[in-house]
Amino acid sequence: MGLVNLDDGLFGQNIAGALDTISALDVTTYATEAEAQGPVARGEATAAIVIPAGFSAQIDAYATTQVEVMVDPG
């Protein structure tokens, strides 16, 4: 699976770190959402999680936020 962490805060780092500790997952980190879309679209990755910029700030502000999950269309 792919991971795009656009957040520069603690919560984004914690999610990325937690995913890395799950031995059943082979996590590839991408710098941008566009970089992650190719492998998912080609079936080389079953999914990619995108943590948006400002994710930690939204949580700190008790505001609604979300992550995006791209999945292989096949």
PDB file of N, CA and C in Angstrom:
ATOM      1  N   MET A   1       0.829  -1.171   0.000  1.00  0.00           N
ATOM      2  CA  MET A   1       0.000   0.000   0.000  1.00  0.00           C
ATOM      3  C   MET A   1       0.873   1.233   0.000  1.00  0.00           C
ATOM      4  N   GLY A   2       0.283   2.316  -0.437  1.00  0.00           N
ATOM      5  CA  GLY A   2       0.999   3.578  -0.475  1.00  0.00           C
ATOM      6  C   GLY A   2       0.575   4.491   0.651  1.00  0.00           C
ATOM      7  N   LEU A   3       1.431   5.418   0.975  1.00  0.00           N
ATOM      8  CA  LEU A   3       1.140   6.416   1.992  1.00  0.00           C
ATOM      9  C   LEU A   3       1.670   7.759   1.523  1.00  0.00           C
ATOM     10  N   VAL A   4       0.801   8.758   1.588  1.00  0.00           N
ATOM     11  CA  VAL A   4       1.188  10.135   1.302  1.00  0.00           C
ATOM     12  C   VAL A   4       0.859  10.935   2.551  1.00  0.00           C
ATOM     13  N   ASN A   5       1.869  11.453   3.208  1.00  0.00           N
ATOM     14  CA  ASN A   5       1.658  12.257   4.416  1.00  0.00           C
ATOM     15  C   ASN A   5       1.978  13.705   4.092  1.00  0.00           C
ATOM     16  N   LEU A   6       0.948  14.488   3.842  1.00  0.00           N
ATOM     17  CA  LEU A   6       1.115  15.904   3.522  1.00  0.00           C
ATOM     18  C   LEU A   6       1.067  16.786   4.771  1.00  0.00           C
ATOM     19  N   ASP A   7       0.830  16.152   5.913  1.00  0.00           N
ATOM     20  CA  ASP A   7       0.731  16.866   7.182  1.00  0.00           C
ATOM     21  C   ASP A   7       2.110  16.991   7.806  1.00  0.00           C
ATOM     22  N   ASP A   8       2.388  18.149   8.388  1.00  0.00           N
ATOM     23  CA  ASP A   8       3.690  18.318   9.038  1.00  0.00           C
ATOM     24  C   ASP A   8       3.592  18.239  10.553  1.00  0.00           C
ATOM     25  N   GLY A   9       2.445  17.772  11.040  1.00  0.00           N
ATOM     26  CA  GLY A   9       2.226  17.725  12.477  1.00  0.00           C
ATOM     27  C   GLY A   9       2.365  16.345  13.075  1.00  0.00           C
ATOM     28  N   LEU A  10       2.135  16.295  14.378  1.00  0.00           N
ATOM     29  CA  LEU A  10       2.328  15.089  15.161  1.00  0.00           C
ATOM     30  C   LEU A  10       1.355  13.971  14.785  1.00  0.00           C
ATOM     31  N   PHE A  11       0.096  14.303  14.520  1.00  0.00           N
ATOM     32  CA  PHE A  11      -0.876  13.252  14.234  1.00  0.00           C
ATOM     33  C   PHE A  11      -0.583  12.543  12.912  1.00  0.00           C
ATOM     34  N   GLY A  12      -0.174  13.286  11.909  1.00  0.00           N
ATOM     35  CA  GLY A  12       0.215  12.672  10.639  1.00  0.00           C
ATOM     36  C   GLY A  12       1.417  11.763  10.812  1.00  0.00           C
ATOM     37  N   GLN A  13       2.390  12.214  11.604  1.00  0.00           N
ATOM     38  CA  GLN A  13       3.577  11.403  11.879  1.00  0.00           C
ATOM     39  C   GLN A  13       3.214  10.142  12.645  1.00  0.00           C
ATOM     40  N   ASN A  14       2.284  10.263  13.590  1.00  0.00           N
ATOM     41  CA  ASN A  14       1.873   9.097  14.370  1.00  0.00           C
ATOM     42  C   ASN A  14       1.184   8.045  13.509  1.00  0.00           C
ATOM     43  N   ILE A  15       0.334   8.475  12.608  1.00  0.00           N
ATOM     44  CA  ILE A  15      -0.335   7.526  11.716  1.00  0.00           C
ATOM     45  C   ILE A  15       0.692   6.841  10.829  1.00  0.00           C
ATOM     46  N   ALA A  16       1.595   7.618  10.233  1.00  0.00           N
ATOM     47  CA  ALA A  16       2.625   7.045   9.367  1.00  0.00           C
ATOM     48  C   ALA A  16       3.487   6.055  10.148  1.00  0.00           C
ATOM     49  N   GLY A  17       3.859   6.407  11.361  1.00  0.00           N
ATOM     50  CA  GLY A  17       4.667   5.517  12.184  1.00  0.00           C
ATOM     51  C   GLY A  17       3.935   4.239  12.553  1.00  0.00           C
ATOM     52  N   ALA A  18       2.657   4.369  12.869  1.00  0.00           N
ATOM     53  CA  ALA A  18       1.864   3.191  13.222  1.00  0.00           C
ATOM     54  C   ALA A  18       1.727   2.244  12.037  1.00  0.00           C
ATOM     55  N   LEU A  19       1.514   2.787  10.851  1.00  0.00           N
ATOM     56  CA  LEU A  19       1.403   1.940   9.660  1.00  0.00           C
ATOM     57  C   LEU A  19       2.713   1.200   9.392  1.00  0.00           C
ATOM     58  N   ASP A  20       3.829   1.856   9.634  1.00  0.00           N
ATOM     59  CA  ASP A  20       5.132   1.225   9.420  1.00  0.00           C
ATOM     60  C   ASP A  20       5.389   0.056  10.369  1.00  0.00           C
ATOM     61  N   THR A  21       4.731   0.050  11.519  1.00  0.00           N
ATOM     62  CA  THR A  21       4.959  -1.029  12.486  1.00  0.00           C
ATOM     63  C   THR A  21       4.111  -2.266  12.206  1.00  0.00           C
ATOM     64  N   ILE A  22       3.173  -2.178  11.287  1.00  0.00           N
ATOM     65  CA  ILE A  22       2.304  -3.321  10.983  1.00  0.00           C
ATOM     66  C   ILE A  22       3.024  -4.202   9.969  1.00  0.00           C
ATOM     67  N   SER A  23       3.500  -5.349  10.423  1.00  0.00           N
ATOM     68  CA  SER A  23       4.329  -6.208   9.577  1.00  0.00           C
ATOM     69  C   SER A  23       3.572  -6.780   8.384  1.00  0.00           C
ATOM     70  N   ALA A  24       2.264  -6.866   8.457  1.00  0.00           N
ATOM     71  CA  ALA A  24       1.469  -7.405   7.352  1.00  0.00           C
ATOM     72  C   ALA A  24       1.342  -6.424   6.190  1.00  0.00           C
ATOM     73  N   LEU A  25       1.736  -5.170   6.417  1.00  0.00           N
ATOM     74  CA  LEU A  25       1.647  -4.155   5.373  1.00  0.00           C
ATOM     75  C   LEU A  25       3.024  -3.866   4.789  1.00  0.00           C
ATOM     76  N   ASP A  26       3.072  -3.768   3.484  1.00  0.00           N
ATOM     77  CA  ASP A  26       4.275  -3.315   2.789  1.00  0.00           C
ATOM     78  C   ASP A  26       3.993  -1.877   2.361  1.00  0.00           C
ATOM     79  N   VAL A  27       4.425  -0.921   3.164  1.00  0.00           N
ATOM     80  CA  VAL A  27       4.079   0.489   2.959  1.00  0.00           C
ATOM     81  C   VAL A  27       5.166   1.188   2.153  1.00  0.00           C
ATOM     82  N   THR A  28       4.754   1.820   1.068  1.00  0.00           N
ATOM     83  CA  THR A  28       5.638   2.663   0.269  1.00  0.00           C
ATOM     84  C   THR A  28       5.186   4.101   0.446  1.00  0.00           C
ATOM     85  N   THR A  29       6.108   4.970   0.819  1.00  0.00           N
ATOM     86  CA  THR A  29       5.773   6.374   1.041  1.00  0.00           C
ATOM     87  C   THR A  29       6.011   7.168  -0.234  1.00  0.00           C
ATOM     88  N   TYR A  30       5.039   7.999  -0.571  1.00  0.00           N
ATOM     89  CA  TYR A  30       5.121   8.868  -1.749  1.00  0.00           C
ATOM     90  C   TYR A  30       5.049  10.314  -1.290  1.00  0.00           C
ATOM     91  N   ALA A  31       5.698  11.205  -2.027  1.00  0.00           N
ATOM     92  CA  ALA A  31       5.733  12.618  -1.662  1.00  0.00           C
ATOM     93  C   ALA A  31       4.436  13.336  -2.017  1.00  0.00           C
ATOM     94  N   THR A  32       3.766  12.878  -3.079  1.00  0.00           N
ATOM     95  CA  THR A  32       2.551  13.551  -3.522  1.00  0.00           C
ATOM     96  C   THR A  32       1.452  12.539  -3.831  1.00  0.00           C
ATOM     97  N   GLU A  33       0.241  13.044  -3.864  1.00  0.00           N
ATOM     98  CA  GLU A  33      -0.905  12.217  -4.211  1.00  0.00           C
ATOM     99  C   GLU A  33      -0.774  11.695  -5.646  1.00  0.00           C
ATOM    100  N   ALA A  34      -0.277  12.525  -6.551  1.00  0.00           N
ATOM    101  CA  ALA A  34      -0.113  12.124  -7.947  1.00  0.00           C
ATOM    102  C   ALA A  34       0.866  10.957  -8.077  1.00  0.00           C
ATOM    103  N   GLU A  35       1.946  10.956  -7.273  1.00  0.00           N
ATOM    104  CA  GLU A  35       2.909   9.851  -7.304  1.00  0.00           C
ATOM    105  C   GLU A  35       2.268   8.545  -6.865  1.00  0.00           C
ATOM    106  N   ALA A  36       1.352   8.605  -5.914  1.00  0.00           N
ATOM    107  CA  ALA A  36       0.703   7.393  -5.398  1.00  0.00           C
ATOM    108  C   ALA A  36      -0.377   6.873  -6.341  1.00  0.00           C
ATOM    109  N   GLN A  37      -0.979   7.743  -7.131  1.00  0.00           N
ATOM    110  CA  GLN A  37      -2.080   7.333  -8.010  1.00  0.00           C
ATOM    111  C   GLN A  37      -1.647   6.317  -9.055  1.00  0.00           C
ATOM    112  N   GLY A  38      -0.459   6.476  -9.614  1.00  0.00           N
ATOM    113  CA  GLY A  38       0.024   5.571 -10.663  1.00  0.00           C
ATOM    114  C   GLY A  38       0.090   4.126 -10.216  1.00  0.00           C
ATOM    115  N   PRO A  39       0.806   3.809  -9.137  1.00  0.00           N
ATOM    116  CA  PRO A  39       0.883   2.420  -8.683  1.00  0.00           C
ATOM    117  C   PRO A  39      -0.487   1.835  -8.328  1.00  0.00           C
ATOM    118  N   VAL A  40      -1.360   2.640  -7.751  1.00  0.00           N
ATOM    119  CA  VAL A  40      -2.699   2.147  -7.420  1.00  0.00           C
ATOM    120  C   VAL A  40      -3.471   1.848  -8.699  1.00  0.00           C
ATOM    121  N   ALA A  41      -3.432   2.756  -9.664  1.00  0.00           N
ATOM    122  CA  ALA A  41      -4.164   2.574 -10.919  1.00  0.00           C
ATOM    123  C   ALA A  41      -3.647   1.370 -11.711  1.00  0.00           C
ATOM    124  N   ARG A  42      -2.346   1.102 -11.614  1.00  0.00           N
ATOM    125  CA  ARG A  42      -1.759  -0.038 -12.334  1.00  0.00           C
ATOM    126  C   ARG A  42      -1.889  -1.350 -11.575  1.00  0.00           C
ATOM    127  N   GLY A  43      -2.453  -1.320 -10.387  1.00  0.00           N
ATOM    128  CA  GLY A  43      -2.604  -2.532  -9.594  1.00  0.00           C
ATOM    129  C   GLY A  43      -1.346  -2.949  -8.871  1.00  0.00           C
ATOM    130  N   GLU A  44      -0.334  -2.097  -8.849  1.00  0.00           N
ATOM    131  CA  GLU A  44       0.909  -2.401  -8.146  1.00  0.00           C
ATOM    132  C   GLU A  44       0.764  -2.172  -6.643  1.00  0.00           C
ATOM    133  N   ALA A  45      -0.219  -1.381  -6.260  1.00  0.00           N
ATOM    134  CA  ALA A  45      -0.568  -1.151  -4.856  1.00  0.00           C
ATOM    135  C   ALA A  45      -2.075  -1.275  -4.755  1.00  0.00           C
ATOM    136  N   THR A  46      -2.534  -1.961  -3.739  1.00  0.00           N
ATOM    137  CA  THR A  46      -3.978  -2.144  -3.609  1.00  0.00           C
ATOM    138  C   THR A  46      -4.678  -0.883  -3.128  1.00  0.00           C
ATOM    139  N   ALA A  47      -3.955  -0.021  -2.422  1.00  0.00           N
ATOM    140  CA  ALA A  47      -4.544   1.209  -1.905  1.00  0.00           C
ATOM    141  C   ALA A  47      -3.448   2.191  -1.536  1.00  0.00           C
ATOM    142  N   ALA A  48      -3.855   3.432  -1.339  1.00  0.00           N
ATOM    143  CA  ALA A  48      -2.951   4.459  -0.819  1.00  0.00           C
ATOM    144  C   ALA A  48      -3.744   5.343   0.135  1.00  0.00           C
ATOM    145  N   ILE A  49      -3.149   5.628   1.252  1.00  0.00           N
ATOM    146  CA  ILE A  49      -3.753   6.524   2.239  1.00  0.00           C
ATOM    147  C   ILE A  49      -3.105   7.892   2.077  1.00  0.00           C
ATOM    148  N   VAL A  50      -3.946   8.924   2.014  1.00  0.00           N
ATOM    149  CA  VAL A  50      -3.450  10.295   1.891  1.00  0.00           C
ATOM    150  C   VAL A  50      -3.855  11.057   3.153  1.00  0.00           C
ATOM    151  N   ILE A  51      -2.858  11.478   3.896  1.00  0.00           N
ATOM    152  CA  ILE A  51      -3.080  12.314   5.077  1.00  0.00           C
ATOM    153  C   ILE A  51      -2.924  13.756   4.604  1.00  0.00           C
ATOM    154  N   PRO A  52      -3.989  14.554   4.680  1.00  0.00           N
ATOM    155  CA  PRO A  52      -3.937  15.892   4.087  1.00  0.00           C
ATOM    156  C   PRO A  52      -3.100  16.882   4.891  1.00  0.00           C
ATOM    157  N   ALA A  53      -2.650  17.919   4.208  1.00  0.00           N
ATOM    158  CA  ALA A  53      -1.971  19.028   4.886  1.00  0.00           C
ATOM    159  C   ALA A  53      -2.941  19.625   5.902  1.00  0.00           C
ATOM    160  N   GLY A  54      -2.427  19.999   7.043  1.00  0.00           N
ATOM    161  CA  GLY A  54      -3.260  20.601   8.075  1.00  0.00           C
ATOM    162  C   GLY A  54      -4.044  19.610   8.917  1.00  0.00           C
ATOM    163  N   PHE A  55      -3.813  18.316   8.718  1.00  0.00           N
ATOM    164  CA  PHE A  55      -4.539  17.273   9.447  1.00  0.00           C
ATOM    165  C   PHE A  55      -4.372  17.446  10.960  1.00  0.00           C
ATOM    166  N   SER A  56      -3.146  17.598  11.416  1.00  0.00           N
ATOM    167  CA  SER A  56      -2.887  17.760  12.852  1.00  0.00           C
ATOM    168  C   SER A  56      -3.496  19.046  13.386  1.00  0.00           C
ATOM    169  N   ALA A  57      -3.400  20.107  12.620  1.00  0.00           N
ATOM    170  CA  ALA A  57      -3.968  21.395  13.049  1.00  0.00           C
ATOM    171  C   ALA A  57      -5.479  21.293  13.186  1.00  0.00           C
ATOM    172  N   GLN A  58      -6.118  20.581  12.285  1.00  0.00           N
ATOM    173  CA  GLN A  58      -7.567  20.395  12.369  1.00  0.00           C
ATOM    174  C   GLN A  58      -7.934  19.616  13.630  1.00  0.00           C
ATOM    175  N   ILE A  59      -7.176  18.573  13.930  1.00  0.00           N
ATOM    176  CA  ILE A  59      -7.439  17.799  15.143  1.00  0.00           C
ATOM    177  C   ILE A  59      -7.207  18.661  16.386  1.00  0.00           C
ATOM    178  N   ASP A  60      -6.120  19.409  16.391  1.00  0.00           N
ATOM    179  CA  ASP A  60      -5.831  20.289  17.529  1.00  0.00           C
ATOM    180  C   ASP A  60      -6.925  21.328  17.739  1.00  0.00           C
ATOM    181  N   ALA A  61      -7.588  21.732  16.653  1.00  0.00           N
ATOM    182  CA  ALA A  61      -8.663  22.730  16.724  1.00  0.00           C
ATOM    183  C   ALA A  61     -10.027  22.075  16.969  1.00  0.00           C
ATOM    184  N   TYR A  62     -10.032  20.758  17.193  1.00  0.00           N
ATOM    185  CA  TYR A  62     -11.278  20.003  17.387  1.00  0.00           C
ATOM    186  C   TYR A  62     -12.226  20.175  16.204  1.00  0.00           C
ATOM    187  N   ALA A  63     -11.651  20.289  15.017  1.00  0.00           N
ATOM    188  CA  ALA A  63     -12.440  20.436  13.790  1.00  0.00           C
ATOM    189  C   ALA A  63     -12.490  19.107  13.043  1.00  0.00           C
ATOM    190  N   THR A  64     -13.502  18.958  12.240  1.00  0.00           N
ATOM    191  CA  THR A  64     -13.646  17.751  11.439  1.00  0.00           C
ATOM    192  C   THR A  64     -12.535  17.687  10.400  1.00  0.00           C
ATOM    193  N   THR A  65     -11.966  16.519  10.253  1.00  0.00           N
ATOM    194  CA  THR A  65     -10.957  16.290   9.223  1.00  0.00           C
ATOM    195  C   THR A  65     -11.065  14.852   8.755  1.00  0.00           C
ATOM    196  N   GLN A  66     -10.409  14.545   7.691  1.00  0.00           N
ATOM    197  CA  GLN A  66     -10.491  13.178   7.172  1.00  0.00           C
ATOM    198  C   GLN A  66      -9.239  12.840   6.379  1.00  0.00           C
ATOM    199  N   VAL A  67      -9.000  11.546   6.244  1.00  0.00           N
ATOM    200  CA  VAL A  67      -7.953  11.065   5.355  1.00  0.00           C
ATOM    201  C   VAL A  67      -8.635  10.507   4.118  1.00  0.00           C
ATOM    202  N   GLU A  68      -7.912  10.446   3.032  1.00  0.00           N
ATOM    203  CA  GLU A  68      -8.438   9.897   1.778  1.00  0.00           C
ATOM    204  C   GLU A  68      -7.799   8.539   1.560  1.00  0.00           C
ATOM    205  N   VAL A  69      -8.573   7.596   1.070  1.00  0.00           N
ATOM    206  CA  VAL A  69      -8.051   6.288   0.715  1.00  0.00           C
ATOM    207  C   VAL A  69      -8.344   6.055  -0.755  1.00  0.00           C
ATOM    208  N   MET A  70      -7.275   5.905  -1.548  1.00  0.00           N
ATOM    209  CA  MET A  70      -7.415   5.553  -2.958  1.00  0.00           C
ATOM    210  C   MET A  70      -7.324   4.036  -3.049  1.00  0.00           C
ATOM    211  N   VAL A  71      -8.206   3.430  -3.822  1.00  0.00           N
ATOM    212  CA  VAL A  71      -8.169   1.973  -3.974  1.00  0.00           C
ATOM    213  C   VAL A  71      -8.019   1.588  -5.433  1.00  0.00           C
ATOM    214  N   ASP A  72      -7.479   0.413  -5.640  1.00  0.00           N
ATOM    215  CA  ASP A  72      -7.308  -0.146  -6.981  1.00  0.00           C
ATOM    216  C   ASP A  72      -8.700  -0.352  -7.589  1.00  0.00           C
ATOM    217  N   PRO A  73      -8.969   0.272  -8.735  1.00  0.00           N
ATOM    218  CA  PRO A  73     -10.296   0.137  -9.345  1.00  0.00           C
ATOM    219  C   PRO A  73     -10.595  -1.281  -9.827  1.00  0.00           C
ATOM    220  N   GLY A  74      -9.569  -2.110  -9.974  1.00  0.00           N
ATOM    221  CA  GLY A  74      -9.766  -3.486 -10.450  1.00  0.00           C
ATOM    222  C   GLY A  74     -10.161  -4.346  -9.315  1.00  0.00           C
TER     223      GLY A  74
END
